[in-house]
Amino acid sequence: MVKYLIITAIVFLIAPIVACSERNHLREVVTKAITATVEVQSYRASAVDTYTVDGETAGEFTYESEFVAPDRYHQSTSAEYSSGSERNWWELISIGN
């Protein structure tokens, strides 16, 4: 589970780097992204990641998360593999400290 949280954090940190252009300095973009993240009252994010092995689809991860300030967090992740096994499913709910 922590692995997915780290991946999400990396994606949110890389997005400002991709958004940089000649007019935007990296530090300014990152500062704005962090400020916007800290000030947000709630957000919802989702992603689907399909991976391949030797050119064939080997599985799919689905990720969904929700946050409501100041201390409510819900994340669900599922994984399905082409081997025909059941879809694995994880859920994290955090309320308060």
PDB file of N, CA and C in Angstrom:
ATOM      1  N   MET A   1       0.822  -1.184   0.000  1.00  0.00           N
ATOM      2  CA  MET A   1       0.000   0.000   0.000  1.00  0.00           C
ATOM      3  C   MET A   1       0.870   1.253   0.000  1.00  0.00           C
ATOM      4  N   VAL A   2       1.894   1.255   0.810  1.00  0.00           N
ATOM      5  CA  VAL A   2       2.798   2.399   0.882  1.00  0.00           C
ATOM      6  C   VAL A   2       3.437   2.643  -0.478  1.00  0.00           C
ATOM      7  N   LYS A   3       3.695   1.561  -1.199  1.00  0.00           N
ATOM      8  CA  LYS A   3       4.285   1.671  -2.529  1.00  0.00           C
ATOM      9  C   LYS A   3       3.427   2.559  -3.432  1.00  0.00           C
ATOM     10  N   TYR A   4       2.108   2.387  -3.384  1.00  0.00           N
ATOM     11  CA  TYR A   4       1.218   3.167  -4.230  1.00  0.00           C
ATOM     12  C   TYR A   4       1.153   4.625  -3.783  1.00  0.00           C
ATOM     13  N   LEU A   5       1.226   4.860  -2.481  1.00  0.00           N
ATOM     14  CA  LEU A   5       1.245   6.231  -1.990  1.00  0.00           C
ATOM     15  C   LEU A   5       2.501   6.949  -2.468  1.00  0.00           C
ATOM     16  N   ILE A   6       3.612   6.243  -2.460  1.00  0.00           N
ATOM     17  CA  ILE A   6       4.872   6.830  -2.919  1.00  0.00           C
ATOM     18  C   ILE A   6       4.806   7.125  -4.409  1.00  0.00           C
ATOM     19  N   ILE A   7       4.251   6.199  -5.170  1.00  0.00           N
ATOM     20  CA  ILE A   7       4.115   6.405  -6.612  1.00  0.00           C
ATOM     21  C   ILE A   7       3.245   7.627  -6.893  1.00  0.00           C
ATOM     22  N   THR A   8       2.145   7.763  -6.159  1.00  0.00           N
ATOM     23  CA  THR A   8       1.266   8.914  -6.330  1.00  0.00           C
ATOM     24  C   THR A   8       1.999  10.206  -6.028  1.00  0.00           C
ATOM     25  N   ALA A   9       2.767  10.215  -4.950  1.00  0.00           N
ATOM     26  CA  ALA A   9       3.529  11.412  -4.583  1.00  0.00           C
ATOM     27  C   ALA A   9       4.527  11.774  -5.676  1.00  0.00           C
ATOM     28  N   ILE A  10       5.177  10.777  -6.236  1.00  0.00           N
ATOM     29  CA  ILE A  10       6.150  11.029  -7.299  1.00  0.00           C
ATOM     30  C   ILE A  10       5.462  11.634  -8.520  1.00  0.00           C
ATOM     31  N   VAL A  11       4.302  11.105  -8.879  1.00  0.00           N
ATOM     32  CA  VAL A  11       3.568  11.633 -10.032  1.00  0.00           C
ATOM     33  C   VAL A  11       3.213  13.100  -9.803  1.00  0.00           C
ATOM     34  N   PHE A  12       2.742  13.425  -8.601  1.00  0.00           N
ATOM     35  CA  PHE A  12       2.373  14.805  -8.306  1.00  0.00           C
ATOM     36  C   PHE A  12       3.592  15.717  -8.288  1.00  0.00           C
ATOM     37  N   LEU A  13       4.752  15.177  -7.949  1.00  0.00           N
ATOM     38  CA  LEU A  13       5.960  15.995  -7.948  1.00  0.00           C
ATOM     39  C   LEU A  13       6.554  16.150  -9.344  1.00  0.00           C
ATOM     40  N   ILE A  14       6.376  15.143 -10.198  1.00  0.00           N
ATOM     41  CA  ILE A  14       6.916  15.210 -11.555  1.00  0.00           C
ATOM     42  C   ILE A  14       6.054  16.100 -12.451  1.00  0.00           C
ATOM     43  N   ALA A  15       4.769  16.159 -12.212  1.00  0.00           N
ATOM     44  CA  ALA A  15       3.868  16.954 -13.050  1.00  0.00           C
ATOM     45  C   ALA A  15       4.331  18.395 -13.203  1.00  0.00           C
ATOM     46  N   PRO A  16       4.751  19.078 -12.127  1.00  0.00           N
ATOM     47  CA  PRO A  16       5.228  20.454 -12.317  1.00  0.00           C
ATOM     48  C   PRO A  16       6.476  20.541 -13.193  1.00  0.00           C
ATOM     49  N   ILE A  17       7.337  19.544 -13.138  1.00  0.00           N
ATOM     50  CA  ILE A  17       8.553  19.562 -13.955  1.00  0.00           C
ATOM     51  C   ILE A  17       8.176  19.522 -15.435  1.00  0.00           C
ATOM     52  N   VAL A  18       7.200  18.682 -15.764  1.00  0.00           N
ATOM     53  CA  VAL A  18       6.741  18.574 -17.140  1.00  0.00           C
ATOM     54  C   VAL A  18       6.089  19.879 -17.588  1.00  0.00           C
ATOM     55  N   ALA A  19       5.436  20.579 -16.652  1.00  0.00           N
ATOM     56  CA  ALA A  19       4.721  21.814 -16.977  1.00  0.00           C
ATOM     57  C   ALA A  19       5.644  23.010 -17.170  1.00  0.00           C
ATOM     58  N   CYS A  20       6.899  22.881 -16.830  1.00  0.00           N
ATOM     59  CA  CYS A  20       7.831  24.007 -16.936  1.00  0.00           C
ATOM     60  C   CYS A  20       8.102  24.353 -18.401  1.00  0.00           C
ATOM     61  N   SER A  21       8.190  25.625 -18.652  1.00  0.00           N
ATOM     62  CA  SER A  21       8.554  26.106 -19.986  1.00  0.00           C
ATOM     63  C   SER A  21       9.579  27.215 -19.799  1.00  0.00           C
ATOM     64  N   GLU A  22       9.899  27.905 -20.869  1.00  0.00           N
ATOM     65  CA  GLU A  22      10.868  28.995 -20.774  1.00  0.00           C
ATOM     66  C   GLU A  22      10.369  30.101 -19.849  1.00  0.00           C
ATOM     67  N   ARG A  23       9.071  30.284 -19.763  1.00  0.00           N
ATOM     68  CA  ARG A  23       8.500  31.348 -18.938  1.00  0.00           C
ATOM     69  C   ARG A  23       8.411  30.957 -17.465  1.00  0.00           C
ATOM     70  N   ASN A  24       8.392  29.687 -17.168  1.00  0.00           N
ATOM     71  CA  ASN A  24       8.228  29.231 -15.787  1.00  0.00           C
ATOM     72  C   ASN A  24       9.526  28.644 -15.254  1.00  0.00           C
ATOM     73  N   HIS A  25       9.911  29.068 -14.103  1.00  0.00           N
ATOM     74  CA  HIS A  25      11.070  28.490 -13.452  1.00  0.00           C
ATOM     75  C   HIS A  25      10.609  27.313 -12.604  1.00  0.00           C
ATOM     76  N   LEU A  26      11.394  26.275 -12.541  1.00  0.00           N
ATOM     77  CA  LEU A  26      11.028  25.054 -11.823  1.00  0.00           C
ATOM     78  C   LEU A  26      10.646  25.348 -10.383  1.00  0.00           C
ATOM     79  N   ARG A  27      11.418  26.139  -9.681  1.00  0.00           N
ATOM     80  CA  ARG A  27      11.135  26.431  -8.267  1.00  0.00           C
ATOM     81  C   ARG A  27       9.766  27.101  -8.119  1.00  0.00           C
ATOM     82  N   GLU A  28       9.461  28.021  -9.016  1.00  0.00           N
ATOM     83  CA  GLU A  28       8.172  28.719  -8.959  1.00  0.00           C
ATOM     84  C   GLU A  28       7.012  27.752  -9.190  1.00  0.00           C
ATOM     85  N   VAL A  29       7.161  26.868 -10.147  1.00  0.00           N
ATOM     86  CA  VAL A  29       6.107  25.900 -10.465  1.00  0.00           C
ATOM     87  C   VAL A  29       5.905  24.937  -9.296  1.00  0.00           C
ATOM     88  N   VAL A  30       6.998  24.422  -8.728  1.00  0.00           N
ATOM     89  CA  VAL A  30       6.895  23.488  -7.616  1.00  0.00           C
ATOM     90  C   VAL A  30       6.281  24.177  -6.402  1.00  0.00           C
ATOM     91  N   THR A  31       6.699  25.413  -6.119  1.00  0.00           N
ATOM     92  CA  THR A  31       6.141  26.162  -4.991  1.00  0.00           C
ATOM     93  C   THR A  31       4.637  26.355  -5.159  1.00  0.00           C
ATOM     94  N   LYS A  32       4.199  26.719  -6.354  1.00  0.00           N
ATOM     95  CA  LYS A  32       2.766  26.883  -6.607  1.00  0.00           C
ATOM     96  C   LYS A  32       2.018  25.559  -6.442  1.00  0.00           C
ATOM     97  N   ALA A  33       2.606  24.461  -6.908  1.00  0.00           N
ATOM     98  CA  ALA A  33       1.951  23.154  -6.791  1.00  0.00           C
ATOM     99  C   ALA A  33       1.823  22.735  -5.337  1.00  0.00           C
ATOM    100  N   ILE A  34       2.866  22.928  -4.547  1.00  0.00           N
ATOM    101  CA  ILE A  34       2.823  22.563  -3.121  1.00  0.00           C
ATOM    102  C   ILE A  34       1.821  23.441  -2.388  1.00  0.00           C
ATOM    103  N   THR A  35       1.830  24.738  -2.655  1.00  0.00           N
ATOM    104  CA  THR A  35       0.888  25.657  -2.012  1.00  0.00           C
ATOM    105  C   THR A  35      -0.548  25.271  -2.342  1.00  0.00           C
ATOM    106  N   ALA A  36      -0.815  24.980  -3.595  1.00  0.00           N
ATOM    107  CA  ALA A  36      -2.164  24.588  -4.003  1.00  0.00           C
ATOM    108  C   ALA A  36      -2.588  23.291  -3.322  1.00  0.00           C
ATOM    109  N   THR A  37      -1.664  22.350  -3.176  1.00  0.00           N
ATOM    110  CA  THR A  37      -1.969  21.072  -2.535  1.00  0.00           C
ATOM    111  C   THR A  37      -2.281  21.260  -1.064  1.00  0.00           C
ATOM    112  N   VAL A  38      -1.505  22.089  -0.376  1.00  0.00           N
ATOM    113  CA  VAL A  38      -1.703  22.321   1.048  1.00  0.00           C
ATOM    114  C   VAL A  38      -3.021  23.049   1.306  1.00  0.00           C
ATOM    115  N   GLU A  39      -3.404  23.966   0.421  1.00  0.00           N
ATOM    116  CA  GLU A  39      -4.583  24.786   0.624  1.00  0.00           C
ATOM    117  C   GLU A  39      -5.888  24.122   0.171  1.00  0.00           C
ATOM    118  N   VAL A  40      -5.803  23.037  -0.533  1.00  0.00           N
ATOM    119  CA  VAL A  40      -7.007  22.396  -1.065  1.00  0.00           C
ATOM    120  C   VAL A  40      -7.851  21.805   0.079  1.00  0.00           C
ATOM    121  N   GLN A  41      -9.159  21.933  -0.034  1.00  0.00           N
ATOM    122  CA  GLN A  41     -10.068  21.407   0.984  1.00  0.00           C
ATOM    123  C   GLN A  41     -10.434  19.949   0.709  1.00  0.00           C
ATOM    124  N   SER A  42     -10.429  19.566  -0.541  1.00  0.00           N
ATOM    125  CA  SER A  42     -10.718  18.175  -0.878  1.00  0.00           C
ATOM    126  C   SER A  42     -10.225  17.907  -2.295  1.00  0.00           C
ATOM    127  N   TYR A  43      -9.999  16.643  -2.576  1.00  0.00           N
ATOM    128  CA  TYR A  43      -9.662  16.253  -3.942  1.00  0.00           C
ATOM    129  C   TYR A  43     -10.028  14.800  -4.159  1.00  0.00           C
ATOM    130  N   ARG A  44     -10.133  14.444  -5.410  1.00  0.00           N
ATOM    131  CA  ARG A  44     -10.401  13.062  -5.814  1.00  0.00           C
ATOM    132  C   ARG A  44      -9.485  12.773  -6.992  1.00  0.00           C
ATOM    133  N   ALA A  45      -8.816  11.636  -6.962  1.00  0.00           N
ATOM    134  CA  ALA A  45      -7.900  11.273  -8.045  1.00  0.00           C
ATOM    135  C   ALA A  45      -8.114   9.809  -8.409  1.00  0.00           C
ATOM    136  N   SER A  46      -7.899   9.502  -9.678  1.00  0.00           N
ATOM    137  CA  SER A  46      -7.980   8.103 -10.115  1.00  0.00           C
ATOM    138  C   SER A  46      -7.000   7.883 -11.250  1.00  0.00           C
ATOM    139  N   ALA A  47      -6.572   6.637 -11.381  1.00  0.00           N
ATOM    140  CA  ALA A  47      -5.644   6.277 -12.447  1.00  0.00           C
ATOM    141  C   ALA A  47      -5.791   4.797 -12.759  1.00  0.00           C
ATOM    142  N   VAL A  48      -5.483   4.447 -13.984  1.00  0.00           N
ATOM    143  CA  VAL A  48      -5.450   3.050 -14.406  1.00  0.00           C
ATOM    144  C   VAL A  48      -4.105   2.828 -15.068  1.00  0.00           C
ATOM    145  N   ASP A  49      -3.413   1.793 -14.648  1.00  0.00           N
ATOM    146  CA  ASP A  49      -2.086   1.484 -15.174  1.00  0.00           C
ATOM    147  C   ASP A  49      -2.107   0.072 -15.739  1.00  0.00           C
ATOM    148  N   THR A  50      -1.874  -0.050 -17.020  1.00  0.00           N
ATOM    149  CA  THR A  50      -1.805  -1.353 -17.669  1.00  0.00           C
ATOM    150  C   THR A  50      -0.344  -1.633 -17.998  1.00  0.00           C
ATOM    151  N   TYR A  51       0.110  -2.815 -17.666  1.00  0.00           N
ATOM    152  CA  TYR A  51       1.499  -3.135 -17.982  1.00  0.00           C
ATOM    153  C   TYR A  51       1.578  -4.367 -18.857  1.00  0.00           C
ATOM    154  N   THR A  52       2.664  -4.430 -19.622  1.00  0.00           N
ATOM    155  CA  THR A  52       2.838  -5.517 -20.574  1.00  0.00           C
ATOM    156  C   THR A  52       4.142  -6.266 -20.304  1.00  0.00           C
ATOM    157  N   VAL A  53       4.149  -7.519 -20.722  1.00  0.00           N
ATOM    158  CA  VAL A  53       5.343  -8.355 -20.663  1.00  0.00           C
ATOM    159  C   VAL A  53       5.484  -8.996 -22.037  1.00  0.00           C
ATOM    160  N   ASP A  54       6.615  -8.800 -22.655  1.00  0.00           N
ATOM    161  CA  ASP A  54       6.866  -9.329 -23.998  1.00  0.00           C
ATOM    162  C   ASP A  54       5.774  -8.916 -24.988  1.00  0.00           C
ATOM    163  N   GLY A  55       5.322  -7.671 -24.869  1.00  0.00           N
ATOM    164  CA  GLY A  55       4.346  -7.133 -25.804  1.00  0.00           C
ATOM    165  C   GLY A  55       2.905  -7.523 -25.545  1.00  0.00           C
ATOM    166  N   GLU A  56       2.648  -8.315 -24.507  1.00  0.00           N
ATOM    167  CA  GLU A  56       1.281  -8.727 -24.198  1.00  0.00           C
ATOM    168  C   GLU A  56       0.856  -8.159 -22.854  1.00  0.00           C
ATOM    169  N   THR A  57      -0.418  -7.792 -22.757  1.00  0.00           N
ATOM    170  CA  THR A  57      -0.927  -7.247 -21.507  1.00  0.00           C
ATOM    171  C   THR A  57      -0.806  -8.294 -20.399  1.00  0.00           C
ATOM    172  N   ALA A  58      -0.146  -7.905 -19.318  1.00  0.00           N
ATOM    173  CA  ALA A  58       0.071  -8.830 -18.213  1.00  0.00           C
ATOM    174  C   ALA A  58      -0.790  -8.495 -17.000  1.00  0.00           C
ATOM    175  N   GLY A  59      -1.309  -7.292 -16.946  1.00  0.00           N
ATOM    176  CA  GLY A  59      -2.146  -6.941 -15.812  1.00  0.00           C
ATOM    177  C   GLY A  59      -2.549  -5.487 -15.840  1.00  0.00           C
ATOM    178  N   GLU A  60      -3.387  -5.135 -14.857  1.00  0.00           N
ATOM    179  CA  GLU A  60      -3.891  -3.769 -14.775  1.00  0.00           C
ATOM    180  C   GLU A  60      -4.081  -3.389 -13.316  1.00  0.00           C
ATOM    181  N   PHE A  61      -3.634  -2.200 -12.956  1.00  0.00           N
ATOM    182  CA  PHE A  61      -3.848  -1.643 -11.627  1.00  0.00           C
ATOM    183  C   PHE A  61      -4.829  -0.485 -11.751  1.00  0.00           C
ATOM    184  N   THR A  62      -5.777  -0.410 -10.831  1.00  0.00           N
ATOM    185  CA  THR A  62      -6.719   0.695 -10.773  1.00  0.00           C
ATOM    186  C   THR A  62      -6.552   1.364  -9.417  1.00  0.00           C
ATOM    187  N   TYR A  63      -6.437   2.675  -9.415  1.00  0.00           N
ATOM    188  CA  TYR A  63      -6.182   3.428  -8.201  1.00  0.00           C
ATOM    189  C   TYR A  63      -7.205   4.555  -8.080  1.00  0.00           C
ATOM    190  N   GLU A  64      -7.804   4.701  -6.911  1.00  0.00           N
ATOM    191  CA  GLU A  64      -8.720   5.802  -6.642  1.00  0.00           C
ATOM    192  C   GLU A  64      -8.454   6.314  -5.236  1.00  0.00           C
ATOM    193  N   SER A  65      -8.432   7.633  -5.063  1.00  0.00           N
ATOM    194  CA  SER A  65      -8.259   8.183  -3.720  1.00  0.00           C
ATOM    195  C   SER A  65      -9.093   9.442  -3.564  1.00  0.00           C
ATOM    196  N   GLU A  66      -9.453   9.714  -2.314  1.00  0.00           N
ATOM    197  CA  GLU A  66     -10.218  10.900  -1.969  1.00  0.00           C
ATOM    198  C   GLU A  66      -9.632  11.481  -0.688  1.00  0.00           C
ATOM    199  N   PHE A  67      -9.614  12.799  -0.603  1.00  0.00           N
ATOM    200  CA  PHE A  67      -9.128  13.473   0.598  1.00  0.00           C
ATOM    201  C   PHE A  67     -10.090  14.600   0.926  1.00  0.00           C
ATOM    202  N   VAL A  68     -10.429  14.733   2.207  1.00  0.00           N
ATOM    203  CA  VAL A  68     -11.234  15.844   2.692  1.00  0.00           C
ATOM    204  C   VAL A  68     -10.509  16.424   3.889  1.00  0.00           C
ATOM    205  N   ALA A  69     -10.196  17.730   3.819  1.00  0.00           N
ATOM    206  CA  ALA A  69      -9.473  18.390   4.905  1.00  0.00           C
ATOM    207  C   ALA A  69     -10.323  18.383   6.175  1.00  0.00           C
ATOM    208  N   PRO A  70      -9.749  18.308   7.332  1.00  0.00           N
ATOM    209  CA  PRO A  70      -8.310  18.304   7.540  1.00  0.00           C
ATOM    210  C   PRO A  70      -7.702  16.910   7.649  1.00  0.00           C
ATOM    211  N   ASP A  71      -8.520  15.856   7.825  1.00  0.00           N
ATOM    212  CA  ASP A  71      -7.894  14.580   8.197  1.00  0.00           C
ATOM    213  C   ASP A  71      -8.617  13.334   7.712  1.00  0.00           C
ATOM    214  N   ARG A  72      -9.322  13.404   6.611  1.00  0.00           N
ATOM    215  CA  ARG A  72     -10.035  12.222   6.114  1.00  0.00           C
ATOM    216  C   ARG A  72      -9.451  11.796   4.765  1.00  0.00           C
ATOM    217  N   TYR A  73      -9.134  10.500   4.682  1.00  0.00           N
ATOM    218  CA  TYR A  73      -8.483   9.984   3.484  1.00  0.00           C
ATOM    219  C   TYR A  73      -9.032   8.600   3.173  1.00  0.00           C
ATOM    220  N   HIS A  74      -9.324   8.360   1.915  1.00  0.00           N
ATOM    221  CA  HIS A  74      -9.804   7.049   1.477  1.00  0.00           C
ATOM    222  C   HIS A  74      -9.075   6.691   0.192  1.00  0.00           C
ATOM    223  N   GLN A  75      -8.505   5.497   0.162  1.00  0.00           N
ATOM    224  CA  GLN A  75      -7.810   5.031  -1.034  1.00  0.00           C
ATOM    225  C   GLN A  75      -8.196   3.594  -1.298  1.00  0.00           C
ATOM    226  N   SER A  76      -8.445   3.288  -2.548  1.00  0.00           N
ATOM    227  CA  SER A  76      -8.674   1.899  -2.938  1.00  0.00           C
ATOM    228  C   SER A  76      -7.828   1.594  -4.162  1.00  0.00           C
ATOM    229  N   THR A  77      -7.276   0.413  -4.167  1.00  0.00           N
ATOM    230  CA  THR A  77      -6.418  -0.034  -5.253  1.00  0.00           C
ATOM    231  C   THR A  77      -6.805  -1.463  -5.603  1.00  0.00           C
ATOM    232  N   SER A  78      -6.837  -1.768  -6.878  1.00  0.00           N
ATOM    233  CA  SER A  78      -7.090  -3.149  -7.276  1.00  0.00           C
ATOM    234  C   SER A  78      -6.114  -3.540  -8.371  1.00  0.00           C
ATOM    235  N   ALA A  79      -5.853  -4.829  -8.441  1.00  0.00           N
ATOM    236  CA  ALA A  79      -4.933  -5.356  -9.445  1.00  0.00           C
ATOM    237  C   ALA A  79      -5.538  -6.605 -10.062  1.00  0.00           C
ATOM    238  N   GLU A  80      -5.447  -6.683 -11.374  1.00  0.00           N
ATOM    239  CA  GLU A  80      -5.925  -7.862 -12.094  1.00  0.00           C
ATOM    240  C   GLU A  80      -4.805  -8.343 -13.000  1.00  0.00           C
ATOM    241  N   TYR A  81      -4.545  -9.621 -12.955  1.00  0.00           N
ATOM    242  CA  TYR A  81      -3.452 -10.182 -13.740  1.00  0.00           C
ATOM    243  C   TYR A  81      -4.010 -11.056 -14.848  1.00  0.00           C
ATOM    244  N   SER A  82      -3.320 -11.109 -15.963  1.00  0.00           N
ATOM    245  CA  SER A  82      -3.802 -11.875 -17.106  1.00  0.00           C
ATOM    246  C   SER A  82      -3.770 -13.378 -16.854  1.00  0.00           C
ATOM    247  N   SER A  83      -3.146 -13.791 -15.764  1.00  0.00           N
ATOM    248  CA  SER A  83      -3.070 -15.220 -15.465  1.00  0.00           C
ATOM    249  C   SER A  83      -4.436 -15.800 -15.107  1.00  0.00           C
ATOM    250  N   GLY A  84      -5.461 -14.934 -14.996  1.00  0.00           N
ATOM    251  CA  GLY A  84      -6.807 -15.416 -14.719  1.00  0.00           C
ATOM    252  C   GLY A  84      -7.126 -15.477 -13.240  1.00  0.00           C
ATOM    253  N   SER A  85      -6.210 -15.050 -12.398  1.00  0.00           N
ATOM    254  CA  SER A  85      -6.485 -15.063 -10.965  1.00  0.00           C
ATOM    255  C   SER A  85      -7.503 -13.980 -10.628  1.00  0.00           C
ATOM    256  N   GLU A  86      -8.064 -14.061  -9.426  1.00  0.00           N
ATOM    257  CA  GLU A  86      -9.031 -13.066  -8.995  1.00  0.00           C
ATOM    258  C   GLU A  86      -8.390 -11.691  -8.903  1.00  0.00           C
ATOM    259  N   ARG A  87      -9.224 -10.681  -9.020  1.00  0.00           N
ATOM    260  CA  ARG A  87      -8.745  -9.304  -8.861  1.00  0.00           C
ATOM    261  C   ARG A  87      -8.406  -9.099  -7.388  1.00  0.00           C
ATOM    262  N   ASN A  88      -7.177  -8.672  -7.125  1.00  0.00           N
ATOM    263  CA  ASN A  88      -6.768  -8.332  -5.762  1.00  0.00           C
ATOM    264  C   ASN A  88      -7.240  -6.920  -5.461  1.00  0.00           C
ATOM    265  N   TRP A  89      -7.652  -6.678  -4.219  1.00  0.00           N
ATOM    266  CA  TRP A  89      -8.233  -5.395  -3.870  1.00  0.00           C
ATOM    267  C   TRP A  89      -7.747  -4.956  -2.505  1.00  0.00           C
ATOM    268  N   TRP A  90      -7.324  -3.682  -2.388  1.00  0.00           N
ATOM    269  CA  TRP A  90      -6.868  -3.124  -1.120  1.00  0.00           C
ATOM    270  C   TRP A  90      -7.626  -1.836  -0.870  1.00  0.00           C
ATOM    271  N   GLU A  91      -7.877  -1.547   0.400  1.00  0.00           N
ATOM    272  CA  GLU A  91      -8.547  -0.293   0.753  1.00  0.00           C
ATOM    273  C   GLU A  91      -7.935   0.260   2.029  1.00  0.00           C
ATOM    274  N   LEU A  92      -7.779   1.581   2.055  1.00  0.00           N
ATOM    275  CA  LEU A  92      -7.239   2.284   3.211  1.00  0.00           C
ATOM    276  C   LEU A  92      -8.196   3.419   3.546  1.00  0.00           C
ATOM    277  N   ILE A  93      -8.645   3.466   4.798  1.00  0.00           N
ATOM    278  CA  ILE A  93      -9.492   4.558   5.269  1.00  0.00           C
ATOM    279  C   ILE A  93      -8.825   5.147   6.495  1.00  0.00           C
ATOM    280  N   SER A  94      -8.621   6.464   6.465  1.00  0.00           N
ATOM    281  CA  SER A  94      -7.990   7.154   7.595  1.00  0.00           C
ATOM    282  C   SER A  94      -8.849   8.339   7.998  1.00  0.00           C
ATOM    283  N   ILE A  95      -9.260   8.355   9.279  1.00  0.00           N
ATOM    284  CA  ILE A  95     -10.049   9.451   9.810  1.00  0.00           C
ATOM    285  C   ILE A  95      -9.397   9.920  11.100  1.00  0.00           C
ATOM    286  N   GLY A  96      -8.987  11.158  11.141  1.00  0.00           N
ATOM    287  CA  GLY A  96      -8.340  11.709  12.335  1.00  0.00           C
ATOM    288  C   GLY A  96      -6.896  11.302  12.436  1.00  0.00           C
ATOM    289  N   ASN A  97      -6.320  11.613  13.585  1.00  0.00           N
ATOM    290  CA  ASN A  97      -4.903  11.304  13.806  1.00  0.00           C
ATOM    291  C   ASN A  97      -4.771   9.841  13.964  1.00  0.00           C
TER     292      ASN A  97
END
